[in-house]
C-alpha atoms as a PDB file:
ATOM      1  CA  MET A   1      -5.769  17.864 -48.572  1.00  0.00           C
ATOM      2  CA  LEU A   2      -9.628  16.422 -48.413  1.00  0.00           C
ATOM      3  CA  ALA A   3     -10.537  19.368 -49.709  1.00  0.00           C
ATOM      4  CA  LEU A   4      -8.869  19.836 -52.566  1.00  0.00           C
ATOM      5  CA  PHE A   5      -9.473  15.935 -53.248  1.00  0.00           C
ATOM      6  CA  ARG A   6     -13.257  16.283 -53.484  1.00  0.00           C
ATOM      7  CA  PRO A   7     -13.210  18.695 -56.620  1.00  0.00           C
ATOM      8  CA  LEU A   8     -11.037  16.300 -58.524  1.00  0.00           C
ATOM      9  CA  ALA A   9     -13.312  13.559 -57.572  1.00  0.00           C
ATOM     10  CA  ALA A  10     -16.354  15.213 -59.016  1.00  0.00           C
ATOM     11  CA  LEU A  11     -14.641  16.206 -61.709  1.00  0.00           C
ATOM     12  CA  ALA A  12     -13.601  12.650 -62.387  1.00  0.00           C
ATOM     13  CA  ALA A  13     -17.127  11.283 -61.791  1.00  0.00           C
ATOM     14  CA  ALA A  14     -18.258  13.659 -64.372  1.00  0.00           C
ATOM     15  CA  ALA A  15     -15.976  12.894 -67.150  1.00  0.00           C
ATOM     16  CA  LEU A  16     -16.839   9.333 -66.600  1.00  0.00           C
ATOM     17  CA  LEU A  17     -20.613   9.795 -66.506  1.00  0.00           C
ATOM     18  CA  ALA A  18     -20.229  11.611 -69.910  1.00  0.00           C
ATOM     19  CA  SER A  19     -18.209   8.837 -71.415  1.00  0.00           C
ATOM     20  CA  VAL A  20     -21.494   5.805 -71.041  1.00  0.00           C
ATOM     21  CA  PRO A  21     -23.743   6.277 -73.850  1.00  0.00           C
ATOM     22  CA  ALA A  22     -27.173   7.336 -73.743  1.00  0.00           C
ATOM     23  CA  GLN A  23     -29.901   5.007 -73.922  1.00  0.00           C
ATOM     24  CA  ALA A  24     -31.188   6.518 -76.989  1.00  0.00           C
ATOM     25  CA  SER A  25     -28.206   6.682 -78.696  1.00  0.00           C
ATOM     26  CA  LEU A  26     -26.630   3.459 -77.957  1.00  0.00           C
ATOM     27  CA  LEU A  27     -25.776   2.376 -81.440  1.00  0.00           C
ATOM     28  CA  ASP A  28     -24.081   5.462 -81.990  1.00  0.00           C
ATOM     29  CA  TYR A  29     -21.723   5.210 -79.331  1.00  0.00           C
ATOM     30  CA  VAL A  30     -17.937   5.762 -80.070  1.00  0.00           C
ATOM     31  CA  GLY A  31     -15.528   4.423 -77.149  1.00  0.00           C
ATOM     32  CA  GLU A  32     -14.369   1.269 -75.382  1.00  0.00           C
ATOM     33  CA  CYS A  33     -16.332  -1.889 -75.035  1.00  0.00           C
ATOM     34  CA  VAL A  34     -17.305  -1.810 -71.338  1.00  0.00           C
ATOM     35  CA  PRO A  35     -18.882   1.177 -70.771  1.00  0.00           C
ATOM     36  CA  PHE A  36     -21.193   0.256 -73.864  1.00  0.00           C
ATOM     37  CA  ALA A  37     -21.802  -2.996 -72.581  1.00  0.00           C
ATOM     38  CA  ARG A  38     -22.525  -1.685 -68.942  1.00  0.00           C
ATOM     39  CA  ALA A  39     -24.779   0.898 -70.716  1.00  0.00           C
ATOM     40  CA  ALA A  40     -26.648  -1.663 -73.262  1.00  0.00           C
ATOM     41  CA  SER A  41     -26.880  -4.422 -70.533  1.00  0.00           C
ATOM     42  CA  GLY A  42     -27.831  -2.795 -67.469  1.00  0.00           C
ATOM     43  CA  ILE A  43     -24.902  -4.863 -65.854  1.00  0.00           C
ATOM     44  CA  GLN A  44     -23.433  -2.320 -63.511  1.00  0.00           C
ATOM     45  CA  ILE A  45     -19.528  -3.614 -63.231  1.00  0.00           C
ATOM     46  CA  TYR A  46     -16.721  -1.862 -63.810  1.00  0.00           C
ATOM     47  CA  GLY A  47     -13.117  -2.260 -64.663  1.00  0.00           C
ATOM     48  CA  ASP A  48     -11.298  -3.652 -67.639  1.00  0.00           C
ATOM     49  CA  ALA A  49     -13.671  -6.092 -69.263  1.00  0.00           C
ATOM     50  CA  TRP A  50     -11.437  -9.408 -68.147  1.00  0.00           C
ATOM     51  CA  THR A  51     -12.221  -8.479 -64.696  1.00  0.00           C
ATOM     52  CA  TRP A  52     -16.324  -8.697 -64.909  1.00  0.00           C
ATOM     53  CA  TRP A  53     -16.053 -12.461 -64.598  1.00  0.00           C
ATOM     54  CA  GLU A  54     -15.108 -12.316 -61.097  1.00  0.00           C
ATOM     55  CA  LYS A  55     -16.680  -9.014 -60.346  1.00  0.00           C
ATOM     56  CA  ALA A  56     -20.140 -10.532 -61.126  1.00  0.00           C
ATOM     57  CA  ALA A  57     -19.786 -13.590 -58.557  1.00  0.00           C
ATOM     58  CA  GLY A  58     -22.167 -12.725 -55.825  1.00  0.00           C
ATOM     59  CA  LYS A  59     -23.741  -9.590 -57.823  1.00  0.00           C
ATOM     60  CA  TYR A  60     -24.922 -11.374 -60.374  1.00  0.00           C
ATOM     61  CA  ARG A  61     -26.084 -14.734 -61.998  1.00  0.00           C
ATOM     62  CA  ARG A  62     -23.458 -16.172 -64.341  1.00  0.00           C
ATOM     63  CA  GLY A  63     -23.253 -19.590 -66.298  1.00  0.00           C
ATOM     64  CA  TYR A  64     -21.956 -21.002 -69.960  1.00  0.00           C
ATOM     65  CA  VAL A  65     -25.453 -20.825 -71.584  1.00  0.00           C
ATOM     66  CA  PRO A  66     -26.054 -17.684 -74.309  1.00  0.00           C
ATOM     67  CA  LEU A  67     -29.455 -15.801 -73.546  1.00  0.00           C
ATOM     68  CA  GLU A  68     -30.480 -12.787 -75.176  1.00  0.00           C
ATOM     69  CA  GLY A  69     -29.397  -9.759 -72.858  1.00  0.00           C
ATOM     70  CA  ALA A  70     -26.524 -11.355 -71.073  1.00  0.00           C
ATOM     71  CA  VAL A  71     -22.911 -10.171 -71.327  1.00  0.00           C
ATOM     72  CA  ILE A  72     -20.188 -12.283 -72.986  1.00  0.00           C
ATOM     73  CA  VAL A  73     -16.598 -11.976 -71.303  1.00  0.00           C
ATOM     74  CA  PHE A  74     -13.851 -12.863 -72.992  1.00  0.00           C
ATOM     75  CA  ALA A  75     -10.850 -13.521 -71.042  1.00  0.00           C
ATOM     76  CA  ARG A  76      -7.603 -11.901 -70.870  1.00  0.00           C
ATOM     77  CA  SER A  77      -5.127 -13.589 -73.749  1.00  0.00           C
ATOM     78  CA  ALA A  78      -2.124 -12.396 -75.432  1.00  0.00           C
ATOM     79  CA  ARG A  79      -4.544 -11.045 -78.367  1.00  0.00           C
ATOM     80  CA  LEU A  80      -6.998  -9.154 -75.787  1.00  0.00           C
ATOM     81  CA  PRO A  81      -4.762  -8.261 -73.145  1.00  0.00           C
ATOM     82  CA  LEU A  82      -7.697  -6.296 -71.316  1.00  0.00           C
ATOM     83  CA  GLY A  83     -10.419  -8.827 -72.683  1.00  0.00           C
ATOM     84  CA  HIS A  84     -13.925  -7.867 -73.996  1.00  0.00           C
ATOM     85  CA  VAL A  85     -17.275  -7.666 -73.305  1.00  0.00           C
ATOM     86  CA  ALA A  86     -20.444  -8.067 -75.575  1.00  0.00           C
ATOM     87  CA  VAL A  87     -24.162  -8.185 -75.310  1.00  0.00           C
ATOM     88  CA  ILE A  88     -25.925 -11.268 -76.560  1.00  0.00           C
ATOM     89  CA  SER A  89     -28.593  -9.618 -78.949  1.00  0.00           C
ATOM     90  CA  ARG A  90     -29.723 -12.791 -80.299  1.00  0.00           C
ATOM     91  CA  VAL A  91     -29.352 -16.973 -80.147  1.00  0.00           C
ATOM     92  CA  ILE A  92     -29.452 -18.361 -83.361  1.00  0.00           C
ATOM     93  CA  ASP A  93     -28.575 -21.860 -82.206  1.00  0.00           C
ATOM     94  CA  ASP A  94     -26.352 -24.053 -79.611  1.00  0.00           C
ATOM     95  CA  ARG A  95     -23.430 -22.625 -81.134  1.00  0.00           C
ATOM     96  CA  VAL A  96     -24.176 -19.370 -83.467  1.00  0.00           C
ATOM     97  CA  VAL A  97     -24.880 -16.155 -81.589  1.00  0.00           C
ATOM     98  CA  MET A  98     -25.270 -12.222 -82.276  1.00  0.00           C
ATOM     99  CA  VAL A  99     -23.485  -9.931 -80.506  1.00  0.00           C
ATOM    100  CA  THR A 100     -23.588  -6.175 -80.454  1.00  0.00           C
ATOM    101  CA  HIS A 101     -20.060  -4.701 -79.076  1.00  0.00           C
ATOM    102  CA  ALA A 102     -18.073  -1.863 -79.432  1.00  0.00           C
ATOM    103  CA  ASN A 103     -14.507  -1.434 -80.476  1.00  0.00           C
ATOM    104  CA  TRP A 104     -13.917  -4.525 -82.232  1.00  0.00           C
ATOM    105  CA  SER A 105     -13.321  -3.955 -86.172  1.00  0.00           C
ATOM    106  CA  ARG A 106     -12.019  -0.965 -87.505  1.00  0.00           C
ATOM    107  CA  ILE A 107     -15.503   1.020 -89.679  1.00  0.00           C
ATOM    108  CA  ASP A 108     -14.379   3.433 -91.859  1.00  0.00           C
ATOM    109  CA  GLY A 109     -10.995   3.172 -90.442  1.00  0.00           C
ATOM    110  CA  VAL A 110     -12.094   3.955 -87.252  1.00  0.00           C
ATOM    111  CA  ARG A 111     -12.271   2.262 -83.933  1.00  0.00           C
ATOM    112  CA  GLY A 112     -14.634   2.188 -81.183  1.00  0.00           C
ATOM    113  CA  ARG A 113     -17.865   2.006 -83.191  1.00  0.00           C
ATOM    114  CA  VAL A 114     -20.978  -0.437 -82.127  1.00  0.00           C
ATOM    115  CA  GLU A 115     -21.077  -3.269 -84.350  1.00  0.00           C
ATOM    116  CA  GLN A 116     -24.718  -4.380 -84.163  1.00  0.00           C
ATOM    117  CA  ASP A 117     -25.860  -8.446 -84.695  1.00  0.00           C
ATOM    118  CA  VAL A 118     -22.245  -9.681 -85.177  1.00  0.00           C
ATOM    119  CA  THR A 119     -22.033 -13.324 -85.645  1.00  0.00           C
ATOM    120  CA  LEU A 120     -20.155 -14.914 -82.877  1.00  0.00           C
ATOM    121  CA  THR A 121     -19.377 -18.858 -82.924  1.00  0.00           C
ATOM    122  CA  ASP A 122     -18.894 -21.584 -80.495  1.00  0.00           C
ATOM    123  CA  VAL A 123     -15.511 -23.352 -81.600  1.00  0.00           C
ATOM    124  CA  SER A 124     -14.939 -25.139 -78.231  1.00  0.00           C
ATOM    125  CA  ASP A 125     -14.519 -29.002 -78.661  1.00  0.00           C
ATOM    126  CA  ALA A 126     -17.209 -29.905 -75.184  1.00  0.00           C
ATOM    127  CA  GLY A 127     -19.589 -27.029 -76.991  1.00  0.00           C
ATOM    128  CA  ASP A 128     -19.162 -25.243 -73.993  1.00  0.00           C
ATOM    129  CA  TRP A 129     -18.829 -21.393 -74.737  1.00  0.00           C
ATOM    130  CA  SER A 130     -15.026 -21.536 -73.505  1.00  0.00           C
ATOM    131  CA  ALA A 131     -13.752 -20.375 -77.162  1.00  0.00           C
ATOM    132  CA  VAL A 132     -15.285 -18.242 -79.625  1.00  0.00           C
ATOM    133  CA  ARG A 133     -14.267 -16.819 -82.987  1.00  0.00           C
ATOM    134  CA  VAL A 134     -16.010 -13.660 -84.186  1.00  0.00           C
ATOM    135  CA  TRP A 135     -17.262 -12.149 -87.403  1.00  0.00           C
ATOM    136  CA  TYR A 136     -14.653  -9.582 -88.193  1.00  0.00           C
ATOM    137  CA  ARG A 137     -15.626  -6.584 -91.011  1.00  0.00           C
ATOM    138  CA  GLY A 138     -12.036  -6.025 -91.913  1.00  0.00           C
ATOM    139  CA  THR A 139     -12.143  -9.695 -93.515  1.00  0.00           C
ATOM    140  CA  SER A 140     -15.716  -9.909 -94.149  1.00  0.00           C
ATOM    141  CA  GLY A 141     -15.612 -13.527 -92.232  1.00  0.00           C
ATOM    142  CA  LEU A 142     -15.365 -15.409 -88.755  1.00  0.00           C
ATOM    143  CA  GLY A 143     -11.631 -14.360 -88.156  1.00  0.00           C
ATOM    144  CA  SER A 144      -9.172 -17.288 -87.827  1.00  0.00           C
ATOM    145  CA  THR A 145      -8.426 -16.648 -84.311  1.00  0.00           C
ATOM    146  CA  SER A 146     -10.249 -18.475 -80.983  1.00  0.00           C
ATOM    147  CA  TYR A 147     -10.864 -16.368 -78.286  1.00  0.00           C
ATOM    148  CA  PRO A 148     -11.130 -17.843 -74.755  1.00  0.00           C
ATOM    149  CA  VAL A 149     -13.993 -17.022 -72.540  1.00  0.00           C
ATOM    150  CA  ASP A 150     -14.987 -16.909 -69.422  1.00  0.00           C
ATOM    151  CA  GLY A 151     -18.846 -17.429 -69.547  1.00  0.00           C
ATOM    152  CA  PHE A 152     -22.060 -14.873 -69.795  1.00  0.00           C
ATOM    153  CA  ILE A 153     -23.493 -12.726 -67.045  1.00  0.00           C
ATOM    154  CA  TYR A 154     -26.838 -12.457 -66.673  1.00  0.00           C
ATOM    155  CA  GLY A 155     -29.546 -10.176 -65.092  1.00  0.00           C
ATOM    156  CA  GLY A 156     -29.423  -6.917 -66.679  1.00  0.00           C
ATOM    157  CA  ARG A 157     -32.131  -5.208 -68.567  1.00  0.00           C
ATOM    158  CA  GLU A 158     -33.652  -5.959 -71.790  1.00  0.00           C
ATOM    159  CA  ALA A 159     -32.324  -3.423 -74.705  1.00  0.00           C
ATOM    160  CA  PRO A 160     -34.226  -4.165 -78.081  1.00  0.00           C
ATOM    161  CA  GLU A 161     -32.385  -1.709 -79.797  1.00  0.00           C
ATOM    162  CA  LEU A 162     -29.595  -3.997 -79.722  1.00  0.00           C
ATOM    163  CA  THR A 163     -31.165  -6.680 -82.282  1.00  0.00           C
ATOM    164  CA  ASN A 164     -31.483  -6.030 -86.061  1.00  0.00           C
ATOM    165  CA  ARG A 165     -34.066  -8.071 -87.328  1.00  0.00           C
ATOM    166  CA  SER A 166     -32.317  -7.990 -90.537  1.00  0.00           C
ATOM    167  CA  PRO A 167     -28.847  -8.545 -89.358  1.00  0.00           C
ATOM    168  CA  ASP A 168     -25.954  -8.546 -91.875  1.00  0.00           C
ATOM    169  CA  TYR A 169     -23.046 -11.305 -92.055  1.00  0.00           C
ATOM    170  CA  VAL A 170     -23.355 -14.636 -91.765  1.00  0.00           C
ATOM    171  CA  GLY A 171     -26.275 -14.661 -89.088  1.00  0.00           C
ATOM    172  CA  ALA A 172     -28.610 -13.887 -92.335  1.00  0.00           C
ATOM    173  CA  LEU A 173     -27.321 -16.863 -94.019  1.00  0.00           C
ATOM    174  CA  ILE A 174     -27.651 -18.935 -90.980  1.00  0.00           C
ATOM    175  CA  ASP A 175     -31.415 -17.676 -90.587  1.00  0.00           C
ATOM    176  CA  VAL A 176     -32.329 -18.433 -94.544  1.00  0.00           C
ATOM    177  CA  TYR A 177     -30.732 -22.153 -94.232  1.00  0.00           C
ATOM    178  CA  ALA A 178     -32.257 -22.869 -90.587  1.00  0.00           C
ATOM    179  CA  ARG A 179     -36.032 -22.804 -92.077  1.00  0.00           C
END
């Protein structure tokens, strides 16, 4: 029985590796947020996005302050039953960051594509990043839904290709008015 299981396990492992984006083509990736965030950040956590926060305990530093390269973990909610993960590509100010993530907006009618430097705003009452709103390409603005956030996972590797120094969205406006 075990001999029959090994070829199946090897096949499953090969399929999993094929689904992870290659370093050189991170921004061309199409798929779920988890394999993208894992490849882009270097944080080696597996499972649904909402499980990352607990799985990071004791393995990676965790906190409540956004830093470039950190992974933000969206909690499980009615709108996000599997949660969501995204990589912080730029910190604009205490309440605004840019993230690069996969499988959020429909782009040309297709889900799963990577969006680079998307505005994410802290809308928590305490300014502690426990609730955010995300730019949604379909409405060309910050979405009206507030999403609960568990926090940030630190300790991956830098992924400079995630940051576009000429970002779209309201982040460009923030840069202009911040000067």
